[in-house]
Amino acid sequence: MCHHSDCGCERHTYTEKAHYHHEGCGCAHHGHPLRHFPTREETIQGMEDYLKQLRAEAKGVEERLSEMKKEG
């Protein structure tokens, strides 16, 4: 998976120049050097994105549960 949290792509290849190159995803993160560990800022951003996804998921579950209770 891409190491940029805002990319959203799952497809990438490792090129001979040790850079990530995304195939057909349309993202603008071409040419970033390969790193094995995310920076502190990337970790924080990833956690914030994950929390946003969890909140959206919880909201969806609450809405569905409410609908089910109304249906009886």
PDB file of N, CA and C in Angstrom:
ATOM      1  N   MET A   1       0.838  -1.179   0.000  1.00  0.00           N
ATOM      2  CA  MET A   1       0.000   0.000   0.000  1.00  0.00           C
ATOM      3  C   MET A   1       0.879   1.235   0.000  1.00  0.00           C
ATOM      4  N   CYS A   2       0.395   2.275  -0.578  1.00  0.00           N
ATOM      5  CA  CYS A   2       1.120   3.540  -0.662  1.00  0.00           C
ATOM      6  C   CYS A   2       1.374   4.096   0.731  1.00  0.00           C
ATOM      7  N   HIS A   3       2.537   4.715   0.946  1.00  0.00           N
ATOM      8  CA  HIS A   3       2.846   5.264   2.258  1.00  0.00           C
ATOM      9  C   HIS A   3       2.280   6.660   2.449  1.00  0.00           C
ATOM     10  N   HIS A   4       1.488   7.143   1.508  1.00  0.00           N
ATOM     11  CA  HIS A   4       0.826   8.446   1.639  1.00  0.00           C
ATOM     12  C   HIS A   4      -0.641   8.213   1.972  1.00  0.00           C
ATOM     13  N   SER A   5      -1.062   8.707   3.100  1.00  0.00           N
ATOM     14  CA  SER A   5      -2.414   8.414   3.571  1.00  0.00           C
ATOM     15  C   SER A   5      -3.492   9.012   2.692  1.00  0.00           C
ATOM     16  N   ASP A   6      -3.200  10.090   1.973  1.00  0.00           N
ATOM     17  CA  ASP A   6      -4.233  10.715   1.155  1.00  0.00           C
ATOM     18  C   ASP A   6      -4.285  10.142  -0.256  1.00  0.00           C
ATOM     19  N   CYS A   7      -3.422   9.193  -0.582  1.00  0.00           N
ATOM     20  CA  CYS A   7      -3.397   8.624  -1.928  1.00  0.00           C
ATOM     21  C   CYS A   7      -4.588   7.693  -2.139  1.00  0.00           C
ATOM     22  N   GLY A   8      -4.754   6.745  -1.235  1.00  0.00           N
ATOM     23  CA  GLY A   8      -5.869   5.811  -1.329  1.00  0.00           C
ATOM     24  C   GLY A   8      -5.650   4.662  -2.291  1.00  0.00           C
ATOM     25  N   CYS A   9      -4.517   4.622  -2.991  1.00  0.00           N
ATOM     26  CA  CYS A   9      -4.312   3.553  -3.948  1.00  0.00           C
ATOM     27  C   CYS A   9      -3.763   2.312  -3.252  1.00  0.00           C
ATOM     28  N   GLU A  10      -3.967   1.190  -3.852  1.00  0.00           N
ATOM     29  CA  GLU A  10      -3.428  -0.073  -3.358  1.00  0.00           C
ATOM     30  C   GLU A  10      -2.363  -0.599  -4.311  1.00  0.00           C
ATOM     31  N   ARG A  11      -2.251  -0.014  -5.503  1.00  0.00           N
ATOM     32  CA  ARG A  11      -1.355  -0.540  -6.521  1.00  0.00           C
ATOM     33  C   ARG A  11      -0.123   0.339  -6.642  1.00  0.00           C
ATOM     34  N   HIS A  12       1.035  -0.251  -6.519  1.00  0.00           N
ATOM     35  CA  HIS A  12       2.279   0.449  -6.771  1.00  0.00           C
ATOM     36  C   HIS A  12       3.364  -0.562  -7.079  1.00  0.00           C
ATOM     37  N   THR A  13       4.416  -0.095  -7.697  1.00  0.00           N
ATOM     38  CA  THR A  13       5.542  -0.971  -7.970  1.00  0.00           C
ATOM     39  C   THR A  13       6.810  -0.310  -7.478  1.00  0.00           C
ATOM     40  N   TYR A  14       7.803  -1.118  -7.245  1.00  0.00           N
ATOM     41  CA  TYR A  14       9.113  -0.638  -6.824  1.00  0.00           C
ATOM     42  C   TYR A  14       9.983  -0.530  -8.065  1.00  0.00           C
ATOM     43  N   THR A  15      10.481   0.658  -8.370  1.00  0.00           N
ATOM     44  CA  THR A  15      11.294   0.850  -9.563  1.00  0.00           C
ATOM     45  C   THR A  15      12.764   0.673  -9.239  1.00  0.00           C
ATOM     46  N   GLU A  16      13.596   0.578 -10.258  1.00  0.00           N
ATOM     47  CA  GLU A  16      15.030   0.393 -10.086  1.00  0.00           C
ATOM     48  C   GLU A  16      15.682   1.553  -9.349  1.00  0.00           C
ATOM     49  N   LYS A  17      15.095   2.726  -9.381  1.00  0.00           N
ATOM     50  CA  LYS A  17      15.672   3.904  -8.741  1.00  0.00           C
ATOM     51  C   LYS A  17      15.260   4.027  -7.276  1.00  0.00           C
ATOM     52  N   ALA A  18      14.708   2.970  -6.691  1.00  0.00           N
ATOM     53  CA  ALA A  18      14.282   2.953  -5.290  1.00  0.00           C
ATOM     54  C   ALA A  18      13.224   4.010  -5.009  1.00  0.00           C
ATOM     55  N   HIS A  19      12.286   4.146  -5.912  1.00  0.00           N
ATOM     56  CA  HIS A  19      11.174   5.070  -5.734  1.00  0.00           C
ATOM     57  C   HIS A  19       9.880   4.292  -5.934  1.00  0.00           C
ATOM     58  N   TYR A  20       8.860   4.748  -5.279  1.00  0.00           N
ATOM     59  CA  TYR A  20       7.550   4.178  -5.533  1.00  0.00           C
ATOM     60  C   TYR A  20       6.990   4.807  -6.800  1.00  0.00           C
ATOM     61  N   HIS A  21       6.363   3.985  -7.601  1.00  0.00           N
ATOM     62  CA  HIS A  21       5.662   4.466  -8.790  1.00  0.00           C
ATOM     63  C   HIS A  21       4.291   3.813  -8.772  1.00  0.00           C
ATOM     64  N   HIS A  22       3.273   4.608  -8.792  1.00  0.00           N
ATOM     65  CA  HIS A  22       1.904   4.097  -8.722  1.00  0.00           C
ATOM     66  C   HIS A  22       1.392   3.875 -10.132  1.00  0.00           C
ATOM     67  N   GLU A  23       0.876   2.690 -10.380  1.00  0.00           N
ATOM     68  CA  GLU A  23       0.391   2.341 -11.708  1.00  0.00           C
ATOM     69  C   GLU A  23      -1.092   2.638 -11.839  1.00  0.00           C
ATOM     70  N   GLY A  24      -1.431   3.606 -12.647  1.00  0.00           N
ATOM     71  CA  GLY A  24      -2.814   3.853 -13.008  1.00  0.00           C
ATOM     72  C   GLY A  24      -3.716   4.344 -11.906  1.00  0.00           C
ATOM     73  N   CYS A  25      -3.170   4.809 -10.789  1.00  0.00           N
ATOM     74  CA  CYS A  25      -4.045   5.241  -9.707  1.00  0.00           C
ATOM     75  C   CYS A  25      -4.383   6.722  -9.810  1.00  0.00           C
ATOM     76  N   GLY A  26      -3.602   7.482 -10.588  1.00  0.00           N
ATOM     77  CA  GLY A  26      -3.884   8.896 -10.764  1.00  0.00           C
ATOM     78  C   GLY A  26      -3.407   9.776  -9.629  1.00  0.00           C
ATOM     79  N   CYS A  27      -2.682   9.230  -8.667  1.00  0.00           N
ATOM     80  CA  CYS A  27      -2.219  10.049  -7.557  1.00  0.00           C
ATOM     81  C   CYS A  27      -0.991  10.849  -7.963  1.00  0.00           C
ATOM     82  N   ALA A  28      -0.641  11.831  -7.164  1.00  0.00           N
ATOM     83  CA  ALA A  28       0.463  12.729  -7.491  1.00  0.00           C
ATOM     84  C   ALA A  28       1.692  12.449  -6.644  1.00  0.00           C
ATOM     85  N   HIS A  29       1.874  11.237  -6.171  1.00  0.00           N
ATOM     86  CA  HIS A  29       2.967  10.942  -5.253  1.00  0.00           C
ATOM     87  C   HIS A  29       4.105  10.164  -5.915  1.00  0.00           C
ATOM     88  N   HIS A  30       4.280  10.349  -7.206  1.00  0.00           N
ATOM     89  CA  HIS A  30       5.347   9.649  -7.922  1.00  0.00           C
ATOM     90  C   HIS A  30       6.707  10.189  -7.506  1.00  0.00           C
ATOM     91  N   GLY A  31       7.687   9.315  -7.445  1.00  0.00           N
ATOM     92  CA  GLY A  31       9.052   9.745  -7.229  1.00  0.00           C
ATOM     93  C   GLY A  31       9.471   9.938  -5.791  1.00  0.00           C
ATOM     94  N   HIS A  32       8.683   9.529  -4.831  1.00  0.00           N
ATOM     95  CA  HIS A  32       9.091   9.652  -3.428  1.00  0.00           C
ATOM     96  C   HIS A  32      10.021   8.498  -3.081  1.00  0.00           C
ATOM     97  N   PRO A  33      11.077   8.772  -2.348  1.00  0.00           N
ATOM     98  CA  PRO A  33      12.020   7.705  -2.007  1.00  0.00           C
ATOM     99  C   PRO A  33      11.394   6.638  -1.120  1.00  0.00           C
ATOM    100  N   LEU A  34      11.869   5.435  -1.281  1.00  0.00           N
ATOM    101  CA  LEU A  34      11.402   4.307  -0.488  1.00  0.00           C
ATOM    102  C   LEU A  34      11.893   4.446   0.949  1.00  0.00           C
ATOM    103  N   ARG A  35      10.969   4.379   1.911  1.00  0.00           N
ATOM    104  CA  ARG A  35      11.323   4.403   3.328  1.00  0.00           C
ATOM    105  C   ARG A  35      10.645   3.224   3.992  1.00  0.00           C
ATOM    106  N   HIS A  36      11.288   2.687   4.988  1.00  0.00           N
ATOM    107  CA  HIS A  36      10.716   1.540   5.688  1.00  0.00           C
ATOM    108  C   HIS A  36       9.856   1.951   6.865  1.00  0.00           C
ATOM    109  N   PHE A  37      10.086   3.139   7.410  1.00  0.00           N
ATOM    110  CA  PHE A  37       9.343   3.595   8.578  1.00  0.00           C
ATOM    111  C   PHE A  37       8.717   4.951   8.293  1.00  0.00           C
ATOM    112  N   PRO A  38       7.443   5.133   8.667  1.00  0.00           N
ATOM    113  CA  PRO A  38       6.800   6.433   8.450  1.00  0.00           C
ATOM    114  C   PRO A  38       7.373   7.484   9.402  1.00  0.00           C
ATOM    115  N   THR A  39       7.294   8.729   8.974  1.00  0.00           N
ATOM    116  CA  THR A  39       7.705   9.819   9.850  1.00  0.00           C
ATOM    117  C   THR A  39       6.658  10.002  10.938  1.00  0.00           C
ATOM    118  N   ARG A  40       6.990  10.762  11.937  1.00  0.00           N
ATOM    119  CA  ARG A  40       6.055  11.055  13.028  1.00  0.00           C
ATOM    120  C   ARG A  40       4.786  11.710  12.469  1.00  0.00           C
ATOM    121  N   GLU A  41       4.975  12.648  11.549  1.00  0.00           N
ATOM    122  CA  GLU A  41       3.832  13.350  10.954  1.00  0.00           C
ATOM    123  C   GLU A  41       2.944  12.394  10.165  1.00  0.00           C
ATOM    124  N   GLU A  42       3.568  11.452   9.428  1.00  0.00           N
ATOM    125  CA  GLU A  42       2.791  10.474   8.679  1.00  0.00           C
ATOM    126  C   GLU A  42       2.026   9.543   9.615  1.00  0.00           C
ATOM    127  N   THR A  43       2.640   9.175  10.723  1.00  0.00           N
ATOM    128  CA  THR A  43       1.978   8.322  11.700  1.00  0.00           C
ATOM    129  C   THR A  43       0.773   9.041  12.298  1.00  0.00           C
ATOM    130  N   ILE A  44       0.966  10.298  12.662  1.00  0.00           N
ATOM    131  CA  ILE A  44      -0.137  11.085  13.227  1.00  0.00           C
ATOM    132  C   ILE A  44      -1.263  11.212  12.208  1.00  0.00           C
ATOM    133  N   GLN A  45      -0.912  11.538  10.950  1.00  0.00           N
ATOM    134  CA  GLN A  45      -1.934  11.684   9.910  1.00  0.00           C
ATOM    135  C   GLN A  45      -2.672  10.368   9.693  1.00  0.00           C
ATOM    136  N   GLY A  46      -1.933   9.267   9.680  1.00  0.00           N
ATOM    137  CA  GLY A  46      -2.565   7.963   9.505  1.00  0.00           C
ATOM    138  C   GLY A  46      -3.530   7.639  10.633  1.00  0.00           C
ATOM    139  N   MET A  47      -3.129   7.963  11.858  1.00  0.00           N
ATOM    140  CA  MET A  47      -4.005   7.718  13.006  1.00  0.00           C
ATOM    141  C   MET A  47      -5.245   8.611  12.949  1.00  0.00           C
ATOM    142  N   GLU A  48      -5.072   9.871  12.536  1.00  0.00           N
ATOM    143  CA  GLU A  48      -6.225  10.766  12.401  1.00  0.00           C
ATOM    144  C   GLU A  48      -7.178  10.268  11.322  1.00  0.00           C
ATOM    145  N   ASP A  49      -6.623   9.791  10.207  1.00  0.00           N
ATOM    146  CA  ASP A  49      -7.462   9.236   9.140  1.00  0.00           C
ATOM    147  C   ASP A  49      -8.210   7.998   9.626  1.00  0.00           C
ATOM    148  N   TYR A  50      -7.521   7.142  10.360  1.00  0.00           N
ATOM    149  CA  TYR A  50      -8.139   5.933  10.892  1.00  0.00           C
ATOM    150  C   TYR A  50      -9.257   6.275  11.866  1.00  0.00           C
ATOM    151  N   LEU A  51      -9.029   7.257  12.722  1.00  0.00           N
ATOM    152  CA  LEU A  51     -10.054   7.683  13.667  1.00  0.00           C
ATOM    153  C   LEU A  51     -11.276   8.228  12.932  1.00  0.00           C
ATOM    154  N   LYS A  52     -11.039   8.975  11.862  1.00  0.00           N
ATOM    155  CA  LYS A  52     -12.144   9.506  11.055  1.00  0.00           C
ATOM    156  C   LYS A  52     -12.958   8.358  10.448  1.00  0.00           C
ATOM    157  N   GLN A  53     -12.262   7.328   9.964  1.00  0.00           N
ATOM    158  CA  GLN A  53     -12.946   6.164   9.406  1.00  0.00           C
ATOM    159  C   GLN A  53     -13.738   5.418  10.475  1.00  0.00           C
ATOM    160  N   LEU A  54     -13.157   5.267  11.651  1.00  0.00           N
ATOM    161  CA  LEU A  54     -13.859   4.596  12.749  1.00  0.00           C
ATOM    162  C   LEU A  54     -15.116   5.357  13.152  1.00  0.00           C
ATOM    163  N   ARG A  55     -15.016   6.676  13.230  1.00  0.00           N
ATOM    164  CA  ARG A  55     -16.189   7.484  13.585  1.00  0.00           C
ATOM    165  C   ARG A  55     -17.279   7.355  12.533  1.00  0.00           C
ATOM    166  N   ALA A  56     -16.893   7.352  11.263  1.00  0.00           N
ATOM    167  CA  ALA A  56     -17.878   7.182  10.201  1.00  0.00           C
ATOM    168  C   ALA A  56     -18.538   5.809  10.286  1.00  0.00           C
ATOM    169  N   GLU A  57     -17.743   4.789  10.564  1.00  0.00           N
ATOM    170  CA  GLU A  57     -18.278   3.436  10.711  1.00  0.00           C
ATOM    171  C   GLU A  57     -19.240   3.353  11.893  1.00  0.00           C
ATOM    172  N   ALA A  58     -18.853   3.947  13.014  1.00  0.00           N
ATOM    173  CA  ALA A  58     -19.718   3.935  14.204  1.00  0.00           C
ATOM    174  C   ALA A  58     -21.029   4.667  13.919  1.00  0.00           C
ATOM    175  N   LYS A  59     -20.943   5.780  13.202  1.00  0.00           N
ATOM    176  CA  LYS A  59     -22.156   6.533  12.861  1.00  0.00           C
ATOM    177  C   LYS A  59     -23.078   5.677  11.993  1.00  0.00           C
ATOM    178  N   GLY A  60     -22.493   4.965  11.029  1.00  0.00           N
ATOM    179  CA  GLY A  60     -23.291   4.088  10.177  1.00  0.00           C
ATOM    180  C   GLY A  60     -23.964   2.981  10.969  1.00  0.00           C
ATOM    181  N   VAL A  61     -23.243   2.405  11.914  1.00  0.00           N
ATOM    182  CA  VAL A  61     -23.810   1.348  12.751  1.00  0.00           C
ATOM    183  C   VAL A  61     -24.947   1.905  13.607  1.00  0.00           C
ATOM    184  N   GLU A  62     -24.745   3.089  14.186  1.00  0.00           N
ATOM    185  CA  GLU A  62     -25.793   3.708  15.011  1.00  0.00           C
ATOM    186  C   GLU A  62     -27.043   3.994  14.193  1.00  0.00           C
ATOM    187  N   GLU A  63     -26.845   4.490  12.961  1.00  0.00           N
ATOM    188  CA  GLU A  63     -27.996   4.781  12.097  1.00  0.00           C
ATOM    189  C   GLU A  63     -28.746   3.503  11.736  1.00  0.00           C
ATOM    190  N   ARG A  64     -28.005   2.458  11.393  1.00  0.00           N
ATOM    191  CA  ARG A  64     -28.649   1.193  11.031  1.00  0.00           C
ATOM    192  C   ARG A  64     -29.379   0.586  12.222  1.00  0.00           C
ATOM    193  N   LEU A  65     -28.782   0.653  13.394  1.00  0.00           N
ATOM    194  CA  LEU A  65     -29.413   0.141  14.609  1.00  0.00           C
ATOM    195  C   LEU A  65     -30.697   0.910  14.890  1.00  0.00           C
ATOM    196  N   SER A  66     -30.671   2.211  14.727  1.00  0.00           N
ATOM    197  CA  SER A  66     -31.868   3.025  14.931  1.00  0.00           C
ATOM    198  C   SER A  66     -32.971   2.641  13.961  1.00  0.00           C
ATOM    199  N   GLU A  67     -32.603   2.420  12.695  1.00  0.00           N
ATOM    200  CA  GLU A  67     -33.591   2.001  11.677  1.00  0.00           C
ATOM    201  C   GLU A  67     -34.197   0.660  12.036  1.00  0.00           C
ATOM    202  N   MET A  68     -33.372  -0.256  12.491  1.00  0.00           N
ATOM    203  CA  MET A  68     -33.860  -1.593  12.847  1.00  0.00           C
ATOM    204  C   MET A  68     -34.812  -1.536  14.026  1.00  0.00           C
ATOM    205  N   LYS A  69     -34.533  -0.673  14.994  1.00  0.00           N
ATOM    206  CA  LYS A  69     -35.418  -0.541  16.155  1.00  0.00           C
ATOM    207  C   LYS A  69     -36.747   0.061  15.762  1.00  0.00           C
ATOM    208  N   LYS A  70     -36.749   0.996  14.814  1.00  0.00           N
ATOM    209  CA  LYS A  70     -37.990   1.615  14.351  1.00  0.00           C
ATOM    210  C   LYS A  70     -38.854   0.623  13.588  1.00  0.00           C
ATOM    211  N   GLU A  71     -38.193  -0.278  12.854  1.00  0.00           N
ATOM    212  CA  GLU A  71     -38.920  -1.285  12.083  1.00  0.00           C
ATOM    213  C   GLU A  71     -39.607  -2.320  12.978  1.00  0.00           C
ATOM    214  N   GLY A  72     -39.092  -2.450  14.185  1.00  0.00           N
ATOM    215  CA  GLY A  72     -39.716  -3.348  15.144  1.00  0.00           C
ATOM    216  C   GLY A  72     -39.257  -4.713  15.019  1.00  0.00           C
TER     217      GLY A  72
END
